[in-house]
C-alpha cells in the first residue's frame, strides 16, 4: 500500500513524531488537533474558542488532502470535561451537515499543552 503524508502550514505544525495526516488510498487519517493557532502556535483561550479552532485546524488538513470536513466518516472527540460535550455538539452543527459522521466522545484526564479538547478524524475522499 502506498502512503502519502499530508502537511499544511494552515494547521499547527506537528509537535511530536507524527504527521498532520496520512493518505492510504481514498482514506485520509487526520491526527489529533488541539486549539493551537497555526500562526502563533499558541493555545486559544477558553473551551468555545478551542472547539472552534480544532474544527478549523481539521478543515485545513482535510483541504490539504484534497477534501473537506464533509468527507469525514469518523470523528473522535477527547474532552477533559465531558460537561462541555453540548458545546461540541453546538459547534459541530455549524461545521457538518447530515448525514453526520460516526463519532466517539471520550473523557480524558489531560491533553497536550493543557488543551481542553482534541479531535481526530478519518476521511474518505474520491
PDB file of N, CA and C in Angstrom:
ATOM      1  N   UNK A   1       0.848  -1.176   0.000  1.00  0.00           N
ATOM      2  CA  UNK A   1       0.000   0.000   0.000  1.00  0.00           C
ATOM      3  C   UNK A   1       0.893   1.239   0.000  1.00  0.00           C
ATOM      4  N   UNK A   2       0.505   2.199  -0.782  1.00  0.00           N
ATOM      5  CA  UNK A   2       1.233   3.453  -0.893  1.00  0.00           C
ATOM      6  C   UNK A   2       0.660   4.466   0.100  1.00  0.00           C
ATOM      7  N   UNK A   3       1.508   5.052   0.920  1.00  0.00           N
ATOM      8  CA  UNK A   3       1.086   6.073   1.883  1.00  0.00           C
ATOM      9  C   UNK A   3       1.609   7.424   1.438  1.00  0.00           C
ATOM     10  N   UNK A   4       0.788   8.447   1.649  1.00  0.00           N
ATOM     11  CA  UNK A   4       1.194   9.815   1.321  1.00  0.00           C
ATOM     12  C   UNK A   4       1.006  10.679   2.560  1.00  0.00           C
ATOM     13  N   UNK A   5       2.040  11.382   2.971  1.00  0.00           N
ATOM     14  CA  UNK A   5       1.960  12.289   4.107  1.00  0.00           C
ATOM     15  C   UNK A   5       1.318  13.598   3.640  1.00  0.00           C
ATOM     16  N   UNK A   6       0.381  14.102   4.441  1.00  0.00           N
ATOM     17  CA  UNK A   6      -0.305  15.361   4.169  1.00  0.00           C
ATOM     18  C   UNK A   6       0.188  16.388   5.181  1.00  0.00           C
ATOM     19  N   UNK A   7       0.531  17.573   4.687  1.00  0.00           N
ATOM     20  CA  UNK A   7       1.014  18.628   5.568  1.00  0.00           C
ATOM     21  C   UNK A   7       0.587  19.982   5.019  1.00  0.00           C
ATOM     22  N   UNK A   8       0.239  20.892   5.923  1.00  0.00           N
ATOM     23  CA  UNK A   8      -0.139  22.246   5.521  1.00  0.00           C
ATOM     24  C   UNK A   8       0.264  23.246   6.595  1.00  0.00           C
ATOM     25  N   UNK A   9       0.732  24.422   6.200  1.00  0.00           N
ATOM     26  CA  UNK A   9       1.019  25.472   7.184  1.00  0.00           C
ATOM     27  C   UNK A   9      -0.257  26.133   7.715  1.00  0.00           C
ATOM     28  N   UNK A  10      -1.423  25.792   7.135  1.00  0.00           N
ATOM     29  CA  UNK A  10      -2.695  26.363   7.583  1.00  0.00           C
ATOM     30  C   UNK A  10      -3.209  25.695   8.853  1.00  0.00           C
ATOM     31  N   UNK A  11      -2.511  24.655   9.310  1.00  0.00           N
ATOM     32  CA  UNK A  11      -2.823  23.997  10.580  1.00  0.00           C
ATOM     33  C   UNK A  11      -1.532  23.941  11.389  1.00  0.00           C
ATOM     34  N   UNK A  12      -1.651  23.771  12.706  1.00  0.00           N
ATOM     35  CA  UNK A  12      -0.445  23.735  13.530  1.00  0.00           C
ATOM     36  C   UNK A  12       0.534  22.652  13.079  1.00  0.00           C
ATOM     37  N   UNK A  13       1.799  22.983  13.091  1.00  0.00           N
ATOM     38  CA  UNK A  13       2.833  22.003  12.778  1.00  0.00           C
ATOM     39  C   UNK A  13       2.803  20.895  13.828  1.00  0.00           C
ATOM     40  N   UNK A  14       3.164  19.702  13.409  1.00  0.00           N
ATOM     41  CA  UNK A  14       3.227  18.577  14.343  1.00  0.00           C
ATOM     42  C   UNK A  14       4.195  18.914  15.482  1.00  0.00           C
ATOM     43  N   UNK A  15       3.786  18.608  16.705  1.00  0.00           N
ATOM     44  CA  UNK A  15       4.633  18.884  17.867  1.00  0.00           C
ATOM     45  C   UNK A  15       5.200  17.591  18.442  1.00  0.00           C
ATOM     46  N   UNK A  16       5.331  16.600  17.588  1.00  0.00           N
ATOM     47  CA  UNK A  16       5.860  15.310  18.016  1.00  0.00           C
ATOM     48  C   UNK A  16       6.203  14.469  16.805  1.00  0.00           C
ATOM     49  N   UNK A  17       6.319  13.187  17.019  1.00  0.00           N
ATOM     50  CA  UNK A  17       6.708  12.264  15.960  1.00  0.00           C
ATOM     51  C   UNK A  17       5.473  11.726  15.241  1.00  0.00           C
ATOM     52  N   UNK A  18       4.801  12.599  14.507  1.00  0.00           N
ATOM     53  CA  UNK A  18       3.616  12.214  13.746  1.00  0.00           C
ATOM     54  C   UNK A  18       3.439  13.182  12.575  1.00  0.00           C
ATOM     55  N   UNK A  19       2.579  12.804  11.656  1.00  0.00           N
ATOM     56  CA  UNK A  19       2.228  13.645  10.515  1.00  0.00           C
ATOM     57  C   UNK A  19       0.863  14.265  10.771  1.00  0.00           C
ATOM     58  N   UNK A  20       0.586  15.414  10.154  1.00  0.00           N
ATOM     59  CA  UNK A  20      -0.739  16.017  10.296  1.00  0.00           C
ATOM     60  C   UNK A  20      -1.809  15.069   9.775  1.00  0.00           C
ATOM     61  N   UNK A  21      -1.509  14.360   8.704  1.00  0.00           N
ATOM     62  CA  UNK A  21      -2.423  13.352   8.158  1.00  0.00           C
ATOM     63  C   UNK A  21      -1.638  12.424   7.255  1.00  0.00           C
ATOM     64  N   UNK A  22      -2.224  11.253   7.032  1.00  0.00           N
ATOM     65  CA  UNK A  22      -1.651  10.281   6.110  1.00  0.00           C
ATOM     66  C   UNK A  22      -2.777   9.736   5.237  1.00  0.00           C
ATOM     67  N   UNK A  23      -2.545   9.765   3.923  1.00  0.00           N
ATOM     68  CA  UNK A  23      -3.500   9.189   2.971  1.00  0.00           C
ATOM     69  C   UNK A  23      -3.051   7.766   2.641  1.00  0.00           C
ATOM     70  N   UNK A  24      -4.007   6.851   2.663  1.00  0.00           N
ATOM     71  CA  UNK A  24      -3.798   5.477   2.222  1.00  0.00           C
ATOM     72  C   UNK A  24      -4.967   5.157   1.294  1.00  0.00           C
ATOM     73  N   UNK A  25      -4.721   5.215  -0.007  1.00  0.00           N
ATOM     74  CA  UNK A  25      -5.806   5.050  -0.974  1.00  0.00           C
ATOM     75  C   UNK A  25      -6.755   6.238  -0.892  1.00  0.00           C
ATOM     76  N   UNK A  26      -8.047   5.956  -0.786  1.00  0.00           N
ATOM     77  CA  UNK A  26      -9.053   7.016  -0.674  1.00  0.00           C
ATOM     78  C   UNK A  26      -9.317   7.428   0.776  1.00  0.00           C
ATOM     79  N   UNK A  27      -8.606   6.822   1.710  1.00  0.00           N
ATOM     80  CA  UNK A  27      -8.820   7.105   3.130  1.00  0.00           C
ATOM     81  C   UNK A  27      -7.720   8.027   3.645  1.00  0.00           C
ATOM     82  N   UNK A  28      -8.133   9.056   4.381  1.00  0.00           N
ATOM     83  CA  UNK A  28      -7.182  10.002   4.966  1.00  0.00           C
ATOM     84  C   UNK A  28      -7.378   9.982   6.477  1.00  0.00           C
ATOM     85  N   UNK A  29      -6.308   9.730   7.186  1.00  0.00           N
ATOM     86  CA  UNK A  29      -6.318   9.684   8.650  1.00  0.00           C
ATOM     87  C   UNK A  29      -5.731  10.981   9.174  1.00  0.00           C
ATOM     88  N   UNK A  30      -6.566  11.798   9.817  1.00  0.00           N
ATOM     89  CA  UNK A  30      -6.119  13.076  10.368  1.00  0.00           C
ATOM     90  C   UNK A  30      -5.694  12.876  11.811  1.00  0.00           C
ATOM     91  N   UNK A  31      -4.496  13.329  12.136  1.00  0.00           N
ATOM     92  CA  UNK A  31      -4.012  13.274  13.515  1.00  0.00           C
ATOM     93  C   UNK A  31      -4.829  14.204  14.394  1.00  0.00           C
ATOM     94  N   UNK A  32      -4.734  13.982  15.693  1.00  0.00           N
ATOM     95  CA  UNK A  32      -5.447  14.821  16.637  1.00  0.00           C
ATOM     96  C   UNK A  32      -5.035  16.280  16.520  1.00  0.00           C
ATOM     97  N   UNK A  33      -6.032  17.140  16.603  1.00  0.00           N
ATOM     98  CA  UNK A  33      -5.806  18.587  16.600  1.00  0.00           C
ATOM     99  C   UNK A  33      -6.298  19.152  17.923  1.00  0.00           C
ATOM    100  N   UNK A  34      -5.518  20.069  18.463  1.00  0.00           N
ATOM    101  CA  UNK A  34      -5.929  20.816  19.654  1.00  0.00           C
ATOM    102  C   UNK A  34      -6.094  22.270  19.235  1.00  0.00           C
ATOM    103  N   UNK A  35      -6.456  23.122  20.164  1.00  0.00           N
ATOM    104  CA  UNK A  35      -6.787  24.504  19.849  1.00  0.00           C
ATOM    105  C   UNK A  35      -5.606  25.434  19.655  1.00  0.00           C
ATOM    106  N   UNK A  36      -4.588  24.961  18.951  1.00  0.00           N
ATOM    107  CA  UNK A  36      -3.444  25.823  18.659  1.00  0.00           C
ATOM    108  C   UNK A  36      -3.732  26.684  17.441  1.00  0.00           C
ATOM    109  N   UNK A  37      -3.404  27.964  17.543  1.00  0.00           N
ATOM    110  CA  UNK A  37      -3.467  28.865  16.404  1.00  0.00           C
ATOM    111  C   UNK A  37      -2.239  28.558  15.546  1.00  0.00           C
ATOM    112  N   UNK A  38      -2.420  28.178  14.267  1.00  0.00           N
ATOM    113  CA  UNK A  38      -1.254  27.809  13.465  1.00  0.00           C
ATOM    114  C   UNK A  38      -0.286  28.960  13.212  1.00  0.00           C
ATOM    115  N   UNK A  39      -0.752  30.191  13.288  1.00  0.00           N
ATOM    116  CA  UNK A  39       0.126  31.344  13.048  1.00  0.00           C
ATOM    117  C   UNK A  39       1.073  31.588  14.208  1.00  0.00           C
ATOM    118  N   UNK A  40       0.592  31.349  15.431  1.00  0.00           N
ATOM    119  CA  UNK A  40       1.393  31.651  16.616  1.00  0.00           C
ATOM    120  C   UNK A  40       1.847  30.415  17.380  1.00  0.00           C
ATOM    121  N   UNK A  41       1.209  29.265  17.097  1.00  0.00           N
ATOM    122  CA  UNK A  41       1.432  28.020  17.833  1.00  0.00           C
ATOM    123  C   UNK A  41       1.113  28.189  19.324  1.00  0.00           C
ATOM    124  N   UNK A  42       0.223  29.130  19.623  1.00  0.00           N
ATOM    125  CA  UNK A  42      -0.254  29.332  20.989  1.00  0.00           C
ATOM    126  C   UNK A  42      -1.687  28.819  21.101  1.00  0.00           C
ATOM    127  N   UNK A  43      -2.045  28.335  22.282  1.00  0.00           N
ATOM    128  CA  UNK A  43      -3.393  27.838  22.540  1.00  0.00           C
ATOM    129  C   UNK A  43      -4.362  29.009  22.599  1.00  0.00           C
ATOM    130  N   UNK A  44      -5.504  28.878  21.913  1.00  0.00           N
ATOM    131  CA  UNK A  44      -6.536  29.905  22.026  1.00  0.00           C
ATOM    132  C   UNK A  44      -7.200  29.760  23.390  1.00  0.00           C
ATOM    133  N   UNK A  45      -7.819  30.842  23.864  1.00  0.00           N
ATOM    134  CA  UNK A  45      -8.363  30.882  25.222  1.00  0.00           C
ATOM    135  C   UNK A  45      -9.800  30.380  25.290  1.00  0.00           C
ATOM    136  N   UNK A  46     -10.084  29.500  26.236  1.00  0.00           N
ATOM    137  CA  UNK A  46     -11.453  29.084  26.535  1.00  0.00           C
ATOM    138  C   UNK A  46     -11.933  27.907  25.699  1.00  0.00           C
ATOM    139  N   UNK A  47     -12.877  27.176  26.245  1.00  0.00           N
ATOM    140  CA  UNK A  47     -13.367  25.964  25.603  1.00  0.00           C
ATOM    141  C   UNK A  47     -14.037  26.251  24.268  1.00  0.00           C
ATOM    142  N   UNK A  48     -14.869  27.286  24.173  1.00  0.00           N
ATOM    143  CA  UNK A  48     -15.566  27.554  22.916  1.00  0.00           C
ATOM    144  C   UNK A  48     -14.577  27.894  21.804  1.00  0.00           C
ATOM    145  N   UNK A  49     -13.597  28.724  22.101  1.00  0.00           N
ATOM    146  CA  UNK A  49     -12.586  29.090  21.112  1.00  0.00           C
ATOM    147  C   UNK A  49     -11.746  27.876  20.727  1.00  0.00           C
ATOM    148  N   UNK A  50     -11.446  27.010  21.684  1.00  0.00           N
ATOM    149  CA  UNK A  50     -10.658  25.821  21.377  1.00  0.00           C
ATOM    150  C   UNK A  50     -11.435  24.856  20.488  1.00  0.00           C
ATOM    151  N   UNK A  51     -12.711  24.647  20.768  1.00  0.00           N
ATOM    152  CA  UNK A  51     -13.521  23.760  19.927  1.00  0.00           C
ATOM    153  C   UNK A  51     -13.550  24.293  18.495  1.00  0.00           C
ATOM    154  N   UNK A  52     -13.818  25.570  18.340  1.00  0.00           N
ATOM    155  CA  UNK A  52     -13.864  26.179  17.006  1.00  0.00           C
ATOM    156  C   UNK A  52     -12.518  26.054  16.300  1.00  0.00           C
ATOM    157  N   UNK A  53     -11.433  26.333  17.011  1.00  0.00           N
ATOM    158  CA  UNK A  53     -10.099  26.256  16.403  1.00  0.00           C
ATOM    159  C   UNK A  53      -9.780  24.828  15.973  1.00  0.00           C
ATOM    160  N   UNK A  54     -10.181  23.846  16.772  1.00  0.00           N
ATOM    161  CA  UNK A  54      -9.947  22.446  16.414  1.00  0.00           C
ATOM    162  C   UNK A  54     -10.631  22.124  15.083  1.00  0.00           C
ATOM    163  N   UNK A  55     -11.899  22.535  14.934  1.00  0.00           N
ATOM    164  CA  UNK A  55     -12.589  22.281  13.666  1.00  0.00           C
ATOM    165  C   UNK A  55     -11.907  23.010  12.508  1.00  0.00           C
ATOM    166  N   UNK A  56     -11.443  24.226  12.741  1.00  0.00           N
ATOM    167  CA  UNK A  56     -10.723  24.961  11.690  1.00  0.00           C
ATOM    168  C   UNK A  56      -9.427  24.249  11.308  1.00  0.00           C
ATOM    169  N   UNK A  57      -8.711  23.737  12.309  1.00  0.00           N
ATOM    170  CA  UNK A  57      -7.468  23.019  12.040  1.00  0.00           C
ATOM    171  C   UNK A  57      -7.735  21.724  11.266  1.00  0.00           C
ATOM    172  N   UNK A  58      -8.767  20.982  11.669  1.00  0.00           N
ATOM    173  CA  UNK A  58      -9.117  19.760  10.946  1.00  0.00           C
ATOM    174  C   UNK A  58      -9.497  20.081   9.507  1.00  0.00           C
ATOM    175  N   UNK A  59     -10.271  21.152   9.318  1.00  0.00           N
ATOM    176  CA  UNK A  59     -10.677  21.549   7.970  1.00  0.00           C
ATOM    177  C   UNK A  59      -9.469  21.888   7.116  1.00  0.00           C
ATOM    178  N   UNK A  60      -8.491  22.586   7.678  1.00  0.00           N
ATOM    179  CA  UNK A  60      -7.292  22.953   6.926  1.00  0.00           C
ATOM    180  C   UNK A  60      -6.535  21.711   6.462  1.00  0.00           C
ATOM    181  N   UNK A  61      -6.408  20.723   7.334  1.00  0.00           N
ATOM    182  CA  UNK A  61      -5.707  19.492   6.953  1.00  0.00           C
ATOM    183  C   UNK A  61      -6.529  18.719   5.926  1.00  0.00           C
ATOM    184  N   UNK A  62      -7.848  18.672   6.114  1.00  0.00           N
ATOM    185  CA  UNK A  62      -8.718  17.996   5.141  1.00  0.00           C
ATOM    186  C   UNK A  62      -8.563  18.638   3.761  1.00  0.00           C
ATOM    187  N   UNK A  63      -8.523  19.960   3.708  1.00  0.00           N
ATOM    188  CA  UNK A  63      -8.354  20.662   2.434  1.00  0.00           C
ATOM    189  C   UNK A  63      -6.999  20.348   1.808  1.00  0.00           C
ATOM    190  N   UNK A  64      -5.960  20.270   2.630  1.00  0.00           N
ATOM    191  CA  UNK A  64      -4.631  19.931   2.117  1.00  0.00           C
ATOM    192  C   UNK A  64      -4.616  18.529   1.508  1.00  0.00           C
ATOM    193  N   UNK A  65      -5.530  17.681   1.984  1.00  0.00           N
ATOM    194  CA  UNK A  65      -5.647  16.321   1.459  1.00  0.00           C
ATOM    195  C   UNK A  65      -6.577  16.262   0.251  1.00  0.00           C
ATOM    196  N   UNK A  66      -7.096  17.419  -0.160  1.00  0.00           N
ATOM    197  CA  UNK A  66      -8.000  17.454  -1.300  1.00  0.00           C
ATOM    198  C   UNK A  66      -9.444  17.189  -0.944  1.00  0.00           C
ATOM    199  N   UNK A  67      -9.772  17.308   0.335  1.00  0.00           N
ATOM    200  CA  UNK A  67     -11.134  17.052   0.785  1.00  0.00           C
ATOM    201  C   UNK A  67     -11.665  18.179   1.638  1.00  0.00           C
ATOM    202  N   UNK A  68     -12.632  17.836   2.466  1.00  0.00           N
ATOM    203  CA  UNK A  68     -13.223  18.794   3.403  1.00  0.00           C
ATOM    204  C   UNK A  68     -13.795  18.016   4.577  1.00  0.00           C
ATOM    205  N   UNK A  69     -14.307  18.739   5.560  1.00  0.00           N
ATOM    206  CA  UNK A  69     -14.939  18.064   6.692  1.00  0.00           C
ATOM    207  C   UNK A  69     -16.136  17.234   6.253  1.00  0.00           C
ATOM    208  N   UNK A  70     -16.737  17.578   5.131  1.00  0.00           N
ATOM    209  CA  UNK A  70     -17.878  16.807   4.615  1.00  0.00           C
ATOM    210  C   UNK A  70     -17.482  15.374   4.258  1.00  0.00           C
ATOM    211  N   UNK A  71     -16.194  15.126   4.073  1.00  0.00           N
ATOM    212  CA  UNK A  71     -15.710  13.783   3.754  1.00  0.00           C
ATOM    213  C   UNK A  71     -15.448  12.935   5.001  1.00  0.00           C
ATOM    214  N   UNK A  72     -15.696  13.495   6.181  1.00  0.00           N
ATOM    215  CA  UNK A  72     -15.435  12.785   7.433  1.00  0.00           C
ATOM    216  C   UNK A  72     -16.411  11.629   7.608  1.00  0.00           C
ATOM    217  N   UNK A  73     -15.856  10.444   7.875  1.00  0.00           N
ATOM    218  CA  UNK A  73     -16.693   9.283   8.173  1.00  0.00           C
ATOM    219  C   UNK A  73     -16.620   8.917   9.654  1.00  0.00           C
ATOM    220  N   UNK A  74     -15.567   9.353  10.336  1.00  0.00           N
ATOM    221  CA  UNK A  74     -15.404   9.057  11.761  1.00  0.00           C
ATOM    222  C   UNK A  74     -14.693  10.218  12.436  1.00  0.00           C
ATOM    223  N   UNK A  75     -15.254  10.673  13.536  1.00  0.00           N
ATOM    224  CA  UNK A  75     -14.680  11.761  14.326  1.00  0.00           C
ATOM    225  C   UNK A  75     -14.541  11.273  15.757  1.00  0.00           C
ATOM    226  N   UNK A  76     -13.362  11.453  16.332  1.00  0.00           N
ATOM    227  CA  UNK A  76     -13.128  11.135  17.739  1.00  0.00           C
ATOM    228  C   UNK A  76     -12.908  12.429  18.492  1.00  0.00           C
ATOM    229  N   UNK A  77     -13.608  12.591  19.611  1.00  0.00           N
ATOM    230  CA  UNK A  77     -13.547  13.795  20.429  1.00  0.00           C
ATOM    231  C   UNK A  77     -13.025  13.403  21.808  1.00  0.00           C
ATOM    232  N   UNK A  78     -12.030  14.132  22.278  1.00  0.00           N
ATOM    233  CA  UNK A  78     -11.451  13.902  23.601  1.00  0.00           C
ATOM    234  C   UNK A  78     -11.619  15.190  24.403  1.00  0.00           C
ATOM    235  N   UNK A  79     -12.274  15.085  25.550  1.00  0.00           N
ATOM    236  CA  UNK A  79     -12.557  16.253  26.390  1.00  0.00           C
ATOM    237  C   UNK A  79     -12.032  16.028  27.799  1.00  0.00           C
ATOM    238  N   UNK A  80     -11.433  17.071  28.374  1.00  0.00           N
ATOM    239  CA  UNK A  80     -11.006  16.967  29.769  1.00  0.00           C
ATOM    240  C   UNK A  80     -12.194  17.147  30.710  1.00  0.00           C
ATOM    241  N   UNK A  81     -13.322  17.628  30.201  1.00  0.00           N
ATOM    242  CA  UNK A  81     -14.551  17.779  30.983  1.00  0.00           C
ATOM    243  C   UNK A  81     -15.729  17.428  30.074  1.00  0.00           C
ATOM    244  N   UNK A  82     -16.324  16.266  30.286  1.00  0.00           N
ATOM    245  CA  UNK A  82     -17.448  15.844  29.447  1.00  0.00           C
ATOM    246  C   UNK A  82     -18.658  16.760  29.587  1.00  0.00           C
ATOM    247  N   UNK A  83     -18.648  17.642  30.575  1.00  0.00           N
ATOM    248  CA  UNK A  83     -19.689  18.654  30.701  1.00  0.00           C
ATOM    249  C   UNK A  83     -19.693  19.619  29.526  1.00  0.00           C
ATOM    250  N   UNK A  84     -18.618  19.639  28.748  1.00  0.00           N
ATOM    251  CA  UNK A  84     -18.532  20.508  27.570  1.00  0.00           C
ATOM    252  C   UNK A  84     -19.005  19.824  26.286  1.00  0.00           C
ATOM    253  N   UNK A  85     -19.550  18.621  26.406  1.00  0.00           N
ATOM    254  CA  UNK A  85     -19.974  17.877  25.233  1.00  0.00           C
ATOM    255  C   UNK A  85     -21.067  18.606  24.449  1.00  0.00           C
ATOM    256  N   UNK A  86     -21.990  19.254  25.132  1.00  0.00           N
ATOM    257  CA  UNK A  86     -23.051  20.002  24.439  1.00  0.00           C
ATOM    258  C   UNK A  86     -22.448  21.131  23.600  1.00  0.00           C
ATOM    259  N   UNK A  87     -21.386  21.738  24.088  1.00  0.00           N
ATOM    260  CA  UNK A  87     -20.718  22.801  23.319  1.00  0.00           C
ATOM    261  C   UNK A  87     -20.100  22.240  22.041  1.00  0.00           C
ATOM    262  N   UNK A  88     -19.553  21.037  22.130  1.00  0.00           N
ATOM    263  CA  UNK A  88     -19.008  20.383  20.935  1.00  0.00           C
ATOM    264  C   UNK A  88     -20.137  20.166  19.927  1.00  0.00           C
ATOM    265  N   UNK A  89     -21.281  19.673  20.400  1.00  0.00           N
ATOM    266  CA  UNK A  89     -22.426  19.444  19.512  1.00  0.00           C
ATOM    267  C   UNK A  89     -22.869  20.727  18.824  1.00  0.00           C
ATOM    268  N   UNK A  90     -22.946  21.818  19.574  1.00  0.00           N
ATOM    269  CA  UNK A  90     -23.375  23.096  19.003  1.00  0.00           C
ATOM    270  C   UNK A  90     -22.416  23.559  17.907  1.00  0.00           C
ATOM    271  N   UNK A  91     -21.141  23.472  18.172  1.00  0.00           N
ATOM    272  CA  UNK A  91     -20.150  23.909  17.190  1.00  0.00           C
ATOM    273  C   UNK A  91     -20.099  22.945  16.017  1.00  0.00           C
ATOM    274  N   UNK A  92     -20.208  21.664  16.295  1.00  0.00           N
ATOM    275  CA  UNK A  92     -20.189  20.666  15.230  1.00  0.00           C
ATOM    276  C   UNK A  92     -21.326  20.897  14.241  1.00  0.00           C
ATOM    277  N   UNK A  93     -22.483  21.321  14.735  1.00  0.00           N
ATOM    278  CA  UNK A  93     -23.641  21.568  13.863  1.00  0.00           C
ATOM    279  C   UNK A  93     -23.362  22.685  12.855  1.00  0.00           C
ATOM    280  N   UNK A  94     -22.416  23.563  13.162  1.00  0.00           N
ATOM    281  CA  UNK A  94     -22.050  24.628  12.219  1.00  0.00           C
ATOM    282  C   UNK A  94     -21.048  24.158  11.168  1.00  0.00           C
ATOM    283  N   UNK A  95     -20.386  23.044  11.424  1.00  0.00           N
ATOM    284  CA  UNK A  95     -19.336  22.556  10.521  1.00  0.00           C
ATOM    285  C   UNK A  95     -19.729  21.317   9.720  1.00  0.00           C
ATOM    286  N   UNK A  96     -20.794  20.643  10.115  1.00  0.00           N
ATOM    287  CA  UNK A  96     -21.213  19.411   9.455  1.00  0.00           C
ATOM    288  C   UNK A  96     -22.692  19.479   9.108  1.00  0.00           C
ATOM    289  N   UNK A  97     -23.054  18.766   8.052  1.00  0.00           N
ATOM    290  CA  UNK A  97     -24.448  18.592   7.681  1.00  0.00           C
ATOM    291  C   UNK A  97     -24.751  17.099   7.681  1.00  0.00           C
ATOM    292  N   UNK A  98     -26.019  16.751   7.723  1.00  0.00           N
ATOM    293  CA  UNK A  98     -26.401  15.345   7.655  1.00  0.00           C
ATOM    294  C   UNK A  98     -26.057  14.793   6.283  1.00  0.00           C
ATOM    295  N   UNK A  99     -25.671  13.562   6.164  1.00  0.00           N
ATOM    296  CA  UNK A  99     -25.516  12.616   7.263  1.00  0.00           C
ATOM    297  C   UNK A  99     -24.226  12.892   8.038  1.00  0.00           C
ATOM    298  N   UNK A 100     -24.349  12.937   9.342  1.00  0.00           N
ATOM    299  CA  UNK A 100     -23.203  13.225  10.199  1.00  0.00           C
ATOM    300  C   UNK A 100     -22.258  12.033  10.232  1.00  0.00           C
ATOM    301  N   UNK A 101     -20.980  12.285  10.521  1.00  0.00           N
ATOM    302  CA  UNK A 101     -20.040  11.161  10.639  1.00  0.00           C
ATOM    303  C   UNK A 101     -20.311  10.349  11.901  1.00  0.00           C
ATOM    304  N   UNK A 102     -19.821   9.128  11.908  1.00  0.00           N
ATOM    305  CA  UNK A 102     -19.800   8.357  13.148  1.00  0.00           C
ATOM    306  C   UNK A 102     -18.897   9.110  14.120  1.00  0.00           C
ATOM    307  N   UNK A 103     -19.152   8.944  15.421  1.00  0.00           N
ATOM    308  CA  UNK A 103     -18.382   9.744  16.378  1.00  0.00           C
ATOM    309  C   UNK A 103     -18.255   9.012  17.703  1.00  0.00           C
ATOM    310  N   UNK A 104     -17.146   9.267  18.371  1.00  0.00           N
ATOM    311  CA  UNK A 104     -16.940   8.828  19.749  1.00  0.00           C
ATOM    312  C   UNK A 104     -16.535  10.048  20.555  1.00  0.00           C
ATOM    313  N   UNK A 105     -16.946  10.086  21.802  1.00  0.00           N
ATOM    314  CA  UNK A 105     -16.526  11.154  22.720  1.00  0.00           C
ATOM    315  C   UNK A 105     -16.002  10.490  23.982  1.00  0.00           C
ATOM    316  N   UNK A 106     -14.806  10.903  24.376  1.00  0.00           N
ATOM    317  CA  UNK A 106     -14.127  10.271  25.494  1.00  0.00           C
ATOM    318  C   UNK A 106     -13.665  11.336  26.481  1.00  0.00           C
ATOM    319  N   UNK A 107     -13.898  11.093  27.749  1.00  0.00           N
ATOM    320  CA  UNK A 107     -13.364  11.955  28.795  1.00  0.00           C
ATOM    321  C   UNK A 107     -11.944  11.518  29.123  1.00  0.00           C
ATOM    322  N   UNK A 108     -11.035  12.476  29.180  1.00  0.00           N
ATOM    323  CA  UNK A 108      -9.630  12.171  29.453  1.00  0.00           C
ATOM    324  C   UNK A 108      -9.129  13.040  30.607  1.00  0.00           C
ATOM    325  N   UNK A 109      -8.084  12.585  31.258  1.00  0.00           N
ATOM    326  CA  UNK A 109      -7.539  13.324  32.395  1.00  0.00           C
ATOM    327  C   UNK A 109      -6.780  14.576  31.956  1.00  0.00           C
ATOM    328  N   UNK A 110      -6.085  14.499  30.838  1.00  0.00           N
ATOM    329  CA  UNK A 110      -5.276  15.630  30.374  1.00  0.00           C
ATOM    330  C   UNK A 110      -5.001  15.474  28.886  1.00  0.00           C
ATOM    331  N   UNK A 111      -4.683  16.608  28.259  1.00  0.00           N
ATOM    332  CA  UNK A 111      -4.336  16.643  26.841  1.00  0.00           C
ATOM    333  C   UNK A 111      -3.062  17.465  26.664  1.00  0.00           C
ATOM    334  N   UNK A 112      -2.375  17.307  25.521  1.00  0.00           N
ATOM    335  CA  UNK A 112      -1.145  18.068  25.299  1.00  0.00           C
ATOM    336  C   UNK A 112      -1.363  19.581  25.428  1.00  0.00           C
ATOM    337  N   UNK A 113      -0.347  20.246  25.958  1.00  0.00           N
ATOM    338  CA  UNK A 113      -0.323  21.705  26.091  1.00  0.00           C
ATOM    339  C   UNK A 113      -1.471  22.260  26.935  1.00  0.00           C
ATOM    340  N   UNK A 114      -2.074  21.426  27.771  1.00  0.00           N
ATOM    341  CA  UNK A 114      -3.169  21.887  28.611  1.00  0.00           C
ATOM    342  C   UNK A 114      -4.464  22.106  27.848  1.00  0.00           C
ATOM    343  N   UNK A 115      -4.572  21.536  26.659  1.00  0.00           N
ATOM    344  CA  UNK A 115      -5.790  21.688  25.848  1.00  0.00           C
ATOM    345  C   UNK A 115      -6.998  21.134  26.597  1.00  0.00           C
ATOM    346  N   UNK A 116      -8.151  21.697  26.295  1.00  0.00           N
ATOM    347  CA  UNK A 116      -9.411  21.245  26.876  1.00  0.00           C
ATOM    348  C   UNK A 116     -10.131  20.262  25.970  1.00  0.00           C
ATOM    349  N   UNK A 117      -9.758  20.261  24.688  1.00  0.00           N
ATOM    350  CA  UNK A 117     -10.395  19.386  23.701  1.00  0.00           C
ATOM    351  C   UNK A 117      -9.374  19.012  22.627  1.00  0.00           C
ATOM    352  N   UNK A 118      -9.495  17.797  22.124  1.00  0.00           N
ATOM    353  CA  UNK A 118      -8.718  17.332  20.988  1.00  0.00           C
ATOM    354  C   UNK A 118      -9.641  16.489  20.127  1.00  0.00           C
ATOM    355  N   UNK A 119      -9.451  16.538  18.820  1.00  0.00           N
ATOM    356  CA  UNK A 119     -10.239  15.706  17.902  1.00  0.00           C
ATOM    357  C   UNK A 119      -9.335  15.179  16.809  1.00  0.00           C
ATOM    358  N   UNK A 120      -9.623  13.953  16.375  1.00  0.00           N
ATOM    359  CA  UNK A 120      -9.017  13.403  15.179  1.00  0.00           C
ATOM    360  C   UNK A 120     -10.135  12.887  14.281  1.00  0.00           C
ATOM    361  N   UNK A 121      -9.802  12.601  13.027  1.00  0.00           N
ATOM    362  CA  UNK A 121     -10.847  12.212  12.086  1.00  0.00           C
ATOM    363  C   UNK A 121     -10.306  11.262  11.033  1.00  0.00           C
ATOM    364  N   UNK A 122     -11.249  10.543  10.430  1.00  0.00           N
ATOM    365  CA  UNK A 122     -10.963   9.712   9.273  1.00  0.00           C
ATOM    366  C   UNK A 122     -11.855  10.214   8.148  1.00  0.00           C
ATOM    367  N   UNK A 123     -11.232  10.492   6.991  1.00  0.00           N
ATOM    368  CA  UNK A 123     -11.969  10.958   5.813  1.00  0.00           C
ATOM    369  C   UNK A 123     -11.913   9.889   4.732  1.00  0.00           C
ATOM    370  N   UNK A 124     -12.925   9.852   3.903  1.00  0.00           N
ATOM    371  CA  UNK A 124     -12.885   9.062   2.682  1.00  0.00           C
ATOM    372  C   UNK A 124     -13.132  10.030   1.540  1.00  0.00           C
ATOM    373  N   UNK A 125     -12.135  10.158   0.665  1.00  0.00           N
ATOM    374  CA  UNK A 125     -12.228  11.072  -0.471  1.00  0.00           C
ATOM    375  C   UNK A 125     -12.270  10.255  -1.747  1.00  0.00           C
ATOM    376  N   UNK A 126     -12.731  10.868  -2.817  1.00  0.00           N
ATOM    377  CA  UNK A 126     -12.773  10.134  -4.090  1.00  0.00           C
ATOM    378  C   UNK A 126     -11.786  10.697  -5.077  1.00  0.00           C
TER     379      UNK A 126
END
